[in-house]
């Protein structure tokens, strides 16, 4: 596959400081013509499943010593934050109805059945060959790149810190009691990252005046569970941002004050881009 056809954009800094990677697996918005011809949904509804603009929010990282990895493929085609075995039998013909997790049951497997608010993407099931084609063309290259970056970071710095960036609909927090957080950090309840890594992310967010909550309602999905290995100095945290802070969720357009939000988020990214650089052996597991 030629580099221009890769399902992601990988951007390296002039000098990688400490093995920090910012990733955005759900901000892809390159919708191929074949997909648009097959789906029942208009573009506006398809884009409701995107983490729109998150790739722009993490872009400053490369100016401050961190790597960025951002998806080009849209989430509604292949979800890069799911495992290859999370296949929905209502989407792919002939798939056994093995025990499914809640995400797949809800239509949010590796080949999604629905976008936000349960809107069905396709009128009919696809063959397994089509599902495999999407996985081979999109999922595997992204995860090969991600795994390669993590291995490189460990070899060079003794640690890898992946900050997996996402956005959440404002309504996703409507069930919470009391003051809503602006962001939610997921670390699999401590299984995917050392406490000091999670603490540093929370401190950087709070320094900008935002409220952050841990592991509720999002504790981290496939990428956290697949890659987070604190005992091996591989730390993965998922950071969800309330979309209403920087965009109009109905039109999927930037708010008038987007640049101000991006500037504040840029300071968070800058603060975290060199995380652990002063620790020769990387961040110790806890």
Protein backbone atom coordinates (compact mmCIF):
# COMPACT_ATOMS: atom_id res chain seq x y z
CA UNK A 1 0.00 0.00 0.00
CA UNK A 2 1.58 3.35 -1.02
CA UNK A 3 2.23 5.78 1.87
CA UNK A 4 -0.45 8.16 0.58
CA UNK A 5 -3.00 5.38 0.97
CA UNK A 6 -2.19 4.62 4.58
CA UNK A 7 -5.21 4.84 6.93
CA UNK A 8 -3.33 7.14 9.31
CA UNK A 9 -1.02 10.13 9.50
CA UNK A 10 2.13 9.66 11.58
CA UNK A 11 4.02 12.83 12.48
CA UNK A 12 7.35 12.83 14.28
CA UNK A 13 9.02 15.70 16.10
CA UNK A 14 12.52 16.89 15.19
CA UNK A 15 13.64 15.28 18.44
CA UNK A 16 11.53 12.73 20.30
CA UNK A 17 11.92 13.66 23.96
CA UNK A 18 10.69 10.86 26.18
CA UNK A 19 8.58 8.29 24.35
CA UNK A 20 5.22 10.08 24.55
CA UNK A 21 2.71 9.33 21.78
CA UNK A 22 -0.56 11.20 21.25
CA UNK A 23 -3.04 9.20 19.18
CA UNK A 24 -6.47 9.93 17.75
CA UNK A 25 -7.99 6.72 16.36
CA UNK A 26 -11.49 8.15 15.82
CA UNK A 27 -10.85 11.49 14.09
CA UNK A 28 -10.58 10.07 10.57
CA UNK A 29 -12.79 11.80 8.01
CA UNK A 30 -11.67 10.46 4.61
CA UNK A 31 -14.89 8.89 3.32
CA UNK A 32 -14.31 6.88 0.13
CA UNK A 33 -16.87 6.98 -2.65
CA UNK A 34 -17.55 3.22 -2.46
CA UNK A 35 -18.59 3.54 1.17
CA UNK A 36 -20.84 6.54 0.60
CA UNK A 37 -22.60 4.61 -2.18
CA UNK A 38 -23.26 1.66 0.13
CA UNK A 39 -24.51 3.44 3.24
CA UNK A 40 -28.05 4.55 3.94
CA UNK A 41 -26.94 7.59 5.96
CA UNK A 42 -26.06 11.12 4.85
CA UNK A 43 -22.63 12.52 5.64
CA UNK A 44 -23.83 14.60 8.58
CA UNK A 45 -25.05 11.50 10.40
CA UNK A 46 -22.00 9.43 9.49
CA UNK A 47 -19.78 12.12 10.97
CA UNK A 48 -21.64 11.97 14.28
CA UNK A 49 -19.45 9.02 15.26
CA UNK A 50 -16.21 10.93 14.58
CA UNK A 51 -13.99 12.49 17.18
CA UNK A 52 -14.00 15.51 14.90
CA UNK A 53 -11.07 17.94 15.21
CA UNK A 54 -9.25 15.92 17.87
CA UNK A 55 -6.37 15.39 15.44
CA UNK A 56 -5.99 19.18 15.30
CA UNK A 57 -6.01 19.46 19.07
CA UNK A 58 -3.06 17.08 19.44
CA UNK A 59 -1.03 18.57 16.58
CA UNK A 60 1.10 20.85 18.83
CA UNK A 61 2.68 17.76 20.40
CA UNK A 62 5.19 17.40 17.58
CA UNK A 63 6.58 20.87 18.30
CA UNK A 64 7.33 19.80 21.87
CA UNK A 65 8.97 16.41 21.51
CA UNK A 66 6.10 13.92 21.14
CA UNK A 67 4.84 11.79 18.24
CA UNK A 68 1.28 11.99 16.91
CA UNK A 69 -0.68 9.23 15.20
CA UNK A 70 -4.06 10.21 13.75
CA UNK A 71 -6.51 8.06 11.82
CA UNK A 72 -7.61 8.94 8.32
CA UNK A 73 -10.15 6.13 8.04
CA UNK A 74 -13.53 7.03 9.57
CA UNK A 75 -14.71 5.14 12.60
CA UNK A 76 -17.93 4.07 10.87
CA UNK A 77 -15.88 2.06 8.35
CA UNK A 78 -13.46 0.43 10.80
CA UNK A 79 -13.20 1.15 14.50
CA UNK A 80 -9.51 1.20 15.39
CA UNK A 81 -10.29 1.10 19.11
CA UNK A 82 -11.79 -2.39 18.89
CA UNK A 83 -10.24 -5.83 18.61
CA UNK A 84 -10.36 -7.79 15.37
CA UNK A 85 -12.50 -10.41 17.11
CA UNK A 86 -15.19 -7.87 18.07
CA UNK A 87 -17.30 -8.70 15.02
CA UNK A 88 -21.04 -8.17 15.12
CA UNK A 89 -22.99 -11.10 13.56
CA UNK A 90 -25.70 -8.61 12.61
CA UNK A 91 -23.13 -6.84 10.42
CA UNK A 92 -21.07 -9.69 8.99
CA UNK A 93 -22.79 -12.67 7.42
CA UNK A 94 -21.87 -16.10 8.74
CA UNK A 95 -20.09 -14.95 11.90
CA UNK A 96 -20.82 -17.29 14.84
CA UNK A 97 -22.86 -15.79 17.64
CA UNK A 98 -20.10 -16.34 20.16
CA UNK A 99 -20.28 -14.49 23.50
CA UNK A 100 -20.18 -10.80 22.67
CA UNK A 101 -19.11 -7.88 24.81
CA UNK A 102 -21.46 -4.97 25.45
CA UNK A 103 -19.84 -2.75 22.84
CA UNK A 104 -20.38 -5.27 20.07
CA UNK A 105 -23.91 -6.03 21.22
CA UNK A 106 -24.64 -2.30 20.96
CA UNK A 107 -23.51 -2.29 17.33
CA UNK A 108 -20.09 -0.79 18.05
CA UNK A 109 -17.78 -3.61 17.03
CA UNK A 110 -14.71 -3.39 14.81
CA UNK A 111 -17.07 -3.00 11.82
CA UNK A 112 -19.75 -0.77 13.35
CA UNK A 113 -23.43 -1.41 12.77
CA UNK A 114 -24.57 2.01 13.97
CA UNK A 115 -23.42 5.56 14.48
CA UNK A 116 -24.63 7.77 17.31
CA UNK A 117 -28.17 7.37 18.62
CA UNK A 118 -28.37 3.89 17.10
CA UNK A 119 -28.65 4.95 13.47
CA UNK A 120 -27.98 1.90 11.27
CA UNK A 121 -25.20 2.36 8.71
CA UNK A 122 -26.06 -0.37 6.17
CA UNK A 123 -29.29 -1.94 4.92
CA UNK A 124 -27.84 -5.43 4.69
CA UNK A 125 -25.09 -7.63 6.02
CA UNK A 126 -21.68 -7.84 4.38
CA UNK A 127 -19.67 -10.94 3.53
CA UNK A 128 -16.81 -11.95 5.81
CA UNK A 129 -14.43 -11.26 2.93
CA UNK A 130 -15.45 -7.59 2.94
CA UNK A 131 -14.97 -7.34 6.70
CA UNK A 132 -11.54 -8.94 6.38
CA UNK A 133 -10.64 -6.55 3.56
CA UNK A 134 -11.44 -3.55 5.74
CA UNK A 135 -9.47 -4.97 8.65
CA UNK A 136 -6.42 -5.75 6.50
CA UNK A 137 -6.47 -2.38 4.74
CA UNK A 138 -7.18 -0.17 7.76
CA UNK A 139 -7.00 -1.84 11.17
CA UNK A 140 -3.77 -3.79 10.78
CA UNK A 141 -1.65 -0.95 9.35
CA UNK A 142 -2.75 1.41 12.13
CA UNK A 143 -1.97 -1.09 14.86
CA UNK A 144 1.32 -2.09 13.25
CA UNK A 145 2.31 1.57 13.33
CA UNK A 146 1.15 1.98 16.93
CA UNK A 147 2.87 -1.18 18.15
CA UNK A 148 6.02 -0.14 16.32
CA UNK A 149 6.04 3.27 18.00
CA UNK A 150 5.57 1.72 21.43
CA UNK A 151 8.41 -0.75 20.85
CA UNK A 152 10.66 2.04 19.57
CA UNK A 153 9.86 4.25 22.56
CA UNK A 154 10.70 1.46 25.01
CA UNK A 155 13.97 0.73 23.22
CA UNK A 156 15.04 4.38 23.12
CA UNK A 157 13.68 5.73 26.39
CA UNK A 158 12.89 2.74 28.57
CA UNK A 159 9.23 3.74 28.53
CA UNK A 160 6.28 4.39 26.26
CA UNK A 161 3.41 6.68 27.23
CA UNK A 162 0.39 6.62 24.94
CA UNK A 163 -2.27 9.26 25.43
CA UNK A 164 -5.23 8.03 23.42
CA UNK A 165 -7.40 11.03 22.66
CA UNK A 166 -11.15 10.91 22.13
CA UNK A 167 -14.25 13.07 22.31
CA UNK A 168 -17.60 12.24 23.90
CA UNK A 169 -21.09 13.56 23.17
CA UNK A 170 -22.25 15.98 25.83
CA UNK A 171 -25.28 13.76 26.43
CA UNK A 172 -23.01 10.85 27.37
CA UNK A 173 -22.67 12.49 30.79
CA UNK A 174 -26.35 13.34 31.31
CA UNK A 175 -26.85 10.47 33.76
CA UNK A 176 -24.12 11.62 36.13
CA UNK A 177 -25.10 13.16 39.44
CA UNK A 178 -23.66 16.51 40.50
CA UNK A 179 -21.24 18.61 38.48
CA UNK A 180 -20.32 17.09 35.15
CA UNK A 181 -16.66 16.68 34.24
CA UNK A 182 -15.28 18.34 31.15
CA UNK A 183 -13.05 15.35 30.48
CA UNK A 184 -12.85 11.72 31.53
CA UNK A 185 -9.58 9.84 31.97
CA UNK A 186 -9.66 6.08 31.53
CA UNK A 187 -6.84 3.84 32.71
CA UNK A 188 -8.73 0.55 33.21
CA UNK A 189 -8.91 1.39 36.90
CA UNK A 190 -5.13 1.47 37.13
CA UNK A 191 -4.41 -1.56 34.95
CA UNK A 192 -3.20 0.32 31.84
CA UNK A 193 -1.04 3.07 33.36
CA UNK A 194 0.95 3.86 36.47
CA UNK A 195 -0.72 6.24 38.90
CA UNK A 196 1.85 8.96 38.36
CA UNK A 197 1.13 9.00 34.61
CA UNK A 198 -2.60 9.35 35.20
CA UNK A 199 -1.94 11.95 37.90
CA UNK A 200 0.19 13.99 35.49
CA UNK A 201 -2.55 13.98 32.84
CA UNK A 202 -5.16 15.05 35.40
CA UNK A 203 -2.90 17.79 36.74
CA UNK A 204 -2.29 19.20 33.25
CA UNK A 205 -6.04 19.27 32.52
CA UNK A 206 -6.90 20.83 35.88
CA UNK A 207 -4.21 23.48 35.44
CA UNK A 208 -6.30 24.84 32.57
CA UNK A 209 -9.39 25.03 34.79
CA UNK A 210 -11.20 21.98 33.45
CA UNK A 211 -12.86 19.33 35.58
CA UNK A 212 -11.72 15.76 35.06
CA UNK A 213 -13.11 12.46 36.31
CA UNK A 214 -11.48 9.04 36.29
CA UNK A 215 -12.88 5.85 34.76
CA UNK A 216 -16.53 6.84 34.77
CA UNK A 217 -18.35 6.52 32.46
CA UNK A 218 -15.35 5.54 30.28
CA UNK A 219 -12.54 3.44 31.72
CA UNK A 220 -10.71 2.75 28.47
CA UNK A 221 -11.46 0.42 25.57
CA UNK A 222 -9.43 -1.93 23.38
CA UNK A 223 -6.28 0.17 22.99
CA UNK A 224 -5.91 0.63 26.74
CA UNK A 225 -6.40 -3.06 27.43
CA UNK A 226 -4.27 -4.31 24.52
CA UNK A 227 -1.24 -2.06 25.01
CA UNK A 228 -1.22 -0.82 28.59
CA UNK A 229 1.46 -2.75 30.49
CA UNK A 230 2.68 -0.60 33.40
CA UNK A 231 4.92 -3.40 34.70
CA UNK A 232 6.80 -3.15 31.38
CA UNK A 233 6.82 0.67 31.42
CA UNK A 234 4.14 0.90 28.74
CA UNK A 235 1.46 3.29 30.00
CA UNK A 236 -1.80 3.98 28.17
CA UNK A 237 -4.47 6.44 29.21
CA UNK A 238 -7.63 7.33 27.33
CA UNK A 239 -8.75 10.94 27.51
CA UNK A 240 -12.32 11.84 26.52
CA UNK A 241 -13.20 15.49 25.90
CA UNK A 242 -16.76 16.82 26.03
CA UNK A 243 -17.45 17.80 22.43
CA UNK A 244 -19.67 20.69 23.40
CA UNK A 245 -16.61 22.51 24.73
CA UNK A 246 -15.23 23.16 21.25
CA UNK A 247 -17.78 22.21 18.58
CA UNK A 248 -21.43 22.34 17.59
CA UNK A 249 -22.40 18.68 17.79
CA UNK A 250 -25.41 19.10 15.51
CA UNK A 251 -23.52 20.62 12.58
CA UNK A 252 -20.07 19.19 13.42
CA UNK A 253 -18.48 22.58 13.10
CA UNK A 254 -16.04 24.37 15.32
CA UNK A 255 -17.41 26.77 17.89
CA UNK A 256 -16.50 30.45 17.38
CA UNK A 257 -14.08 30.15 20.31
CA UNK A 258 -12.45 26.96 19.00
CA UNK A 259 -9.05 28.62 18.69
CA UNK A 260 -9.15 29.62 22.36
CA UNK A 261 -10.01 26.07 23.36
CA UNK A 262 -7.27 24.70 21.10
CA UNK A 263 -4.77 27.08 22.69
CA UNK A 264 -5.67 25.83 26.16
CA UNK A 265 -5.58 22.21 25.02
CA UNK A 266 -2.25 22.92 23.39
CA UNK A 267 -0.83 23.83 26.80
CA UNK A 268 -2.05 20.47 28.15
CA UNK A 269 -0.39 18.68 25.23
CA UNK A 270 2.81 20.65 25.70
CA UNK A 271 2.95 19.86 29.41
CA UNK A 272 2.63 16.13 28.70
CA UNK A 273 4.85 15.83 25.61
CA UNK A 274 8.04 15.41 27.64
CA UNK A 275 6.52 13.37 30.45
CA UNK A 276 9.18 11.34 32.25
CA UNK A 277 12.09 12.87 30.32
CA UNK A 278 13.95 13.55 33.57
CA UNK A 279 13.79 9.91 34.65
CA UNK A 280 16.62 7.96 33.11
CA UNK A 281 14.90 4.59 33.39
CA UNK A 282 11.46 5.82 32.42
CA UNK A 283 8.50 5.86 34.78
CA UNK A 284 8.52 2.98 37.21
CA UNK A 285 5.46 0.78 37.44
CA UNK A 286 3.32 1.10 40.52
